[in-house]
Amino acid sequence: MRIRTALMLAASMILAVGMAEGMRPAQRLSEAKPPIALEAQVPVRFGHWKEDRSIVPVLPSPDVQASLDKLYSSTLARAYVNDRGERVMLSIAYGSDQSSSATAVHRPEFCYSAQGFSVTGAGDHQLALDGGVLPVRRLIGEQGRRFEPITYWITIDEEAALPGFARKLEQLRFGLRGQIPDGMLVRVSTVGLQLEDAFRLQEQFVRDLRQAMAPDIRTRYFGS
């Protein structure tokens, strides 16, 4: 009886493994779409903004960067300045596999904390865009005298979402279809401004950047 029970348990385990393998997503959506090329697709000059090479956004430490390089397909970090001398830092991390927590883009809370910042939440926000809204999360990073308000969002395939339940729901939806979605994390931040002024400037920057992006790739960066 014990041998029969053991054999039945073994057979059940083998069947479960086989079913799990059969349900594992295999269709990479990124392979059926134009490739993401951050350096080429994100303009260095648009509207009243142009790239400012004198400022470098907060970047991960070398050891953290090494692990991120294995996770992300490509990254971009730039600073921009407008005609009034106001500056915004932009960071984008793109990953071709956003199917699980293990492969998903990392949240800025972790990146800034790893750099020695104290990070506090400033709430989620619906950023108004032409024809819709973009769900964003706001943070405040502080290190010594540096005060850096941050706005970020993530995309999964061509849908904008926020970390947590919304992202897990999107991952489940694609997983049930056998699909592996790509996606990215887009982060903007500012220094030297009061909180409300900083977020107001960031909103304007995001709207201007979206407007400047080519229509055929716009949803990959901002969601539909």
Protein backbone atom coordinates (compact mmCIF):
# COMPACT_ATOMS: atom_id res chain seq x y z
CA MET A 1 0.00 0.00 0.00
CA ARG A 2 2.82 2.36 0.85
CA ILE A 3 4.51 1.66 -2.50
CA ARG A 4 1.24 2.33 -4.37
CA THR A 5 0.73 5.59 -2.47
CA ALA A 6 4.30 6.69 -3.18
CA LEU A 7 3.89 5.86 -6.87
CA MET A 8 0.62 7.80 -7.04
CA LEU A 9 2.21 10.82 -5.36
CA ALA A 10 5.16 10.66 -7.74
CA ALA A 11 2.85 10.45 -10.73
CA SER A 12 0.84 13.41 -9.47
CA MET A 13 3.99 15.47 -9.04
CA ILE A 14 5.20 14.62 -12.55
CA LEU A 15 1.79 15.54 -13.96
CA ALA A 16 1.77 18.85 -12.08
CA VAL A 17 5.24 19.71 -13.37
CA GLY A 18 4.16 18.85 -16.90
CA MET A 19 1.06 21.02 -16.63
CA ALA A 20 3.12 23.91 -15.22
CA GLU A 21 5.56 23.62 -18.12
CA GLY A 22 2.69 23.55 -20.56
CA MET A 23 1.15 26.68 -19.06
CA ARG A 24 4.44 28.62 -18.94
CA PRO A 25 4.20 31.70 -21.20
CA ALA A 26 6.21 31.28 -24.36
CA GLN A 27 5.09 33.97 -26.81
CA ARG A 28 7.32 37.05 -26.52
CA LEU A 29 5.24 40.05 -27.55
CA SER A 30 8.34 42.17 -28.09
CA GLU A 31 9.34 40.00 -31.05
CA ALA A 32 6.19 40.96 -32.96
CA LYS A 33 6.64 44.72 -32.54
CA PRO A 34 9.15 47.36 -33.59
CA PRO A 35 12.19 47.11 -31.28
CA ILE A 36 12.65 49.56 -28.45
CA ALA A 37 15.71 51.76 -29.05
CA LEU A 38 15.82 54.23 -26.18
CA GLU A 39 18.69 56.40 -27.42
CA ALA A 40 17.09 56.84 -30.84
CA GLN A 41 13.41 57.03 -29.87
CA VAL A 42 13.67 59.45 -26.94
CA PRO A 43 14.44 62.89 -28.44
CA VAL A 44 17.32 64.94 -27.08
CA ARG A 45 15.52 68.15 -28.00
CA PHE A 46 11.78 68.86 -28.05
CA GLY A 47 9.55 71.85 -27.36
CA HIS A 48 11.34 74.12 -24.89
CA TRP A 49 13.58 71.27 -23.68
CA LYS A 50 17.05 70.12 -24.65
CA GLU A 51 19.50 67.64 -23.19
CA ASP A 52 21.77 68.98 -20.45
CA ARG A 53 24.97 66.94 -20.24
CA SER A 54 26.19 68.80 -17.16
CA ILE A 55 23.89 66.82 -14.85
CA VAL A 56 23.75 63.04 -14.38
CA PRO A 57 20.64 61.43 -12.83
CA VAL A 58 21.00 59.16 -9.79
CA LEU A 59 22.41 55.84 -10.98
CA PRO A 60 22.76 52.49 -9.18
CA SER A 61 26.05 51.47 -7.61
CA PRO A 62 28.31 49.29 -9.82
CA ASP A 63 27.31 46.02 -8.13
CA VAL A 64 23.61 46.84 -8.39
CA GLN A 65 24.10 47.98 -11.98
CA ALA A 66 25.71 44.65 -12.84
CA SER A 67 22.63 42.76 -11.69
CA LEU A 68 20.32 45.21 -13.44
CA ASP A 69 22.19 44.73 -16.71
CA LYS A 70 21.19 41.09 -16.57
CA LEU A 71 17.56 42.05 -16.02
CA TYR A 72 17.07 44.96 -18.41
CA SER A 73 17.39 44.95 -22.18
CA SER A 74 18.42 48.62 -22.22
CA THR A 75 18.50 51.73 -20.02
CA LEU A 76 18.64 55.47 -20.58
CA ALA A 77 19.58 58.31 -18.21
CA ARG A 78 19.48 61.96 -19.29
CA ALA A 79 18.94 65.43 -17.88
CA TYR A 80 17.01 68.15 -19.70
CA VAL A 81 16.84 71.91 -19.29
CA ASN A 82 14.17 74.27 -20.60
CA ASP A 83 14.34 77.88 -21.77
CA ARG A 84 13.89 79.12 -18.21
CA GLY A 85 16.80 77.11 -16.86
CA GLU A 86 14.58 74.54 -15.09
CA ARG A 87 15.97 71.01 -15.12
CA VAL A 88 14.38 67.58 -15.15
CA MET A 89 16.17 64.24 -14.95
CA LEU A 90 14.82 61.31 -16.95
CA SER A 91 15.60 57.63 -16.45
CA ILE A 92 14.09 54.73 -18.44
CA ALA A 93 14.67 51.01 -17.95
CA TYR A 94 13.29 48.63 -20.58
CA GLY A 95 12.89 44.89 -20.15
CA SER A 96 11.66 42.42 -22.76
CA ASP A 97 10.26 40.09 -20.08
CA GLN A 98 7.76 41.53 -17.60
CA SER A 99 5.95 38.27 -16.93
CA SER A 100 6.83 37.88 -13.24
CA SER A 101 8.17 39.65 -10.17
CA ALA A 102 11.56 38.05 -10.78
CA THR A 103 11.93 39.63 -14.22
CA ALA A 104 9.95 42.87 -13.77
CA VAL A 105 11.58 46.31 -13.68
CA HIS A 106 12.69 47.43 -10.21
CA ARG A 107 11.01 50.27 -8.39
CA PRO A 108 12.80 53.60 -7.80
CA GLU A 109 12.21 53.25 -4.07
CA PHE A 110 14.82 50.49 -4.02
CA CYS A 111 17.26 52.24 -6.35
CA TYR A 112 17.29 55.46 -4.34
CA SER A 113 17.46 53.66 -1.00
CA ALA A 114 20.48 51.69 -2.26
CA GLN A 115 22.18 55.03 -2.97
CA GLY A 116 21.69 56.18 0.63
CA PHE A 117 18.55 58.26 0.11
CA SER A 118 15.69 58.45 2.55
CA VAL A 119 12.59 57.79 0.43
CA THR A 120 9.03 58.65 1.39
CA GLY A 121 5.84 58.26 -0.60
CA ALA A 122 3.98 61.31 -1.88
CA GLY A 123 0.92 59.45 -3.15
CA ASP A 124 -0.38 58.10 -6.44
CA HIS A 125 -1.66 60.53 -9.03
CA GLN A 126 -3.58 60.56 -12.29
CA LEU A 127 -1.59 62.70 -14.71
CA ALA A 128 -3.91 64.21 -17.31
CA LEU A 129 -2.87 63.62 -20.93
CA ASP A 130 -4.59 64.27 -24.23
CA GLY A 131 -7.43 61.80 -24.38
CA GLY A 132 -6.79 60.09 -21.05
CA VAL A 133 -4.76 59.85 -17.86
CA LEU A 134 -1.46 58.29 -16.88
CA PRO A 135 -1.28 56.58 -13.45
CA VAL A 136 1.90 57.72 -11.74
CA ARG A 137 3.48 57.32 -8.32
CA ARG A 138 5.18 60.21 -6.54
CA LEU A 139 8.08 59.95 -4.13
CA ILE A 140 10.42 62.25 -2.24
CA GLY A 141 14.09 61.34 -2.05
CA GLU A 142 16.30 63.11 0.50
CA GLN A 143 20.02 62.82 1.11
CA GLY A 144 21.67 65.50 3.18
CA ARG A 145 20.63 68.82 1.64
CA ARG A 146 19.47 67.19 -1.60
CA PHE A 147 15.68 67.24 -1.94
CA GLU A 148 14.47 65.33 -5.00
CA PRO A 149 10.76 64.87 -5.80
CA ILE A 150 10.23 61.90 -8.12
CA THR A 151 7.44 60.80 -10.45
CA TYR A 152 7.41 57.37 -12.08
CA TRP A 153 5.21 54.83 -13.84
CA ILE A 154 5.59 51.44 -15.47
CA THR A 155 4.22 49.92 -18.64
CA ILE A 156 3.39 46.29 -19.41
CA ASP A 157 3.07 45.74 -23.14
CA GLU A 158 1.15 48.91 -24.06
CA GLU A 159 -0.68 49.46 -20.78
CA ALA A 160 0.41 51.80 -17.99
CA ALA A 161 0.19 50.47 -14.44
CA LEU A 162 1.70 50.86 -11.00
CA PRO A 163 3.61 48.31 -8.92
CA GLY A 164 1.44 46.16 -6.71
CA PHE A 165 -1.94 44.66 -7.47
CA ALA A 166 -2.38 46.43 -10.83
CA ARG A 167 0.91 45.08 -12.20
CA LYS A 168 0.30 41.56 -10.88
CA LEU A 169 -3.13 41.56 -12.49
CA GLU A 170 -1.61 42.53 -15.84
CA GLN A 171 1.07 39.84 -15.49
CA LEU A 172 -1.64 37.24 -14.76
CA ARG A 173 -3.71 38.38 -17.73
CA PHE A 174 -0.82 37.93 -20.14
CA GLY A 175 0.27 34.68 -18.49
CA LEU A 176 -3.14 33.09 -19.02
CA ARG A 177 -2.76 33.88 -22.71
CA GLY A 178 0.66 32.27 -22.82
CA GLN A 179 2.26 35.63 -23.57
CA ILE A 180 5.41 37.31 -22.23
CA PRO A 181 4.91 41.09 -22.27
CA ASP A 182 7.70 43.62 -22.42
CA GLY A 183 7.60 46.92 -20.59
CA MET A 184 9.52 49.68 -18.95
CA LEU A 185 9.89 51.94 -15.98
CA VAL A 186 9.97 55.68 -16.69
CA ARG A 187 11.17 58.04 -13.95
CA VAL A 188 11.45 61.82 -13.86
CA SER A 189 12.81 63.91 -10.99
CA THR A 190 13.94 67.43 -10.13
CA VAL A 191 16.14 69.18 -7.58
CA GLY A 192 16.16 72.76 -6.33
CA LEU A 193 12.38 73.29 -6.43
CA GLN A 194 9.63 73.29 -3.85
CA LEU A 195 7.48 70.16 -3.82
CA GLU A 196 4.43 71.44 -5.71
CA ASP A 197 6.55 73.36 -8.21
CA ALA A 198 8.61 70.24 -8.83
CA PHE A 199 5.63 68.03 -9.52
CA ARG A 200 4.06 70.72 -11.71
CA LEU A 201 7.23 70.95 -13.79
CA GLN A 202 7.48 67.17 -14.04
CA GLU A 203 3.91 66.95 -15.32
CA GLN A 204 4.62 69.49 -18.02
CA PHE A 205 7.81 67.67 -19.01
CA VAL A 206 5.95 64.36 -19.30
CA ARG A 207 3.25 65.92 -21.48
CA ASP A 208 5.84 67.59 -23.71
CA LEU A 209 7.86 64.39 -24.05
CA ARG A 210 4.82 62.32 -24.91
CA GLN A 211 3.78 64.81 -27.55
CA ALA A 212 7.26 64.67 -29.08
CA MET A 213 7.36 60.86 -29.29
CA ALA A 214 6.52 59.19 -32.60
CA PRO A 215 2.84 58.07 -32.55
CA ASP A 216 3.67 54.46 -33.47
CA ILE A 217 5.76 53.95 -30.31
CA ARG A 218 4.07 56.38 -27.93
CA THR A 219 1.94 53.72 -26.22
CA ARG A 220 5.04 51.62 -25.51
CA TYR A 221 6.30 54.42 -23.26
CA PHE A 222 3.09 55.94 -21.89
CA GLY A 223 0.44 53.25 -22.24
CA SER A 224 -2.65 53.42 -24.40
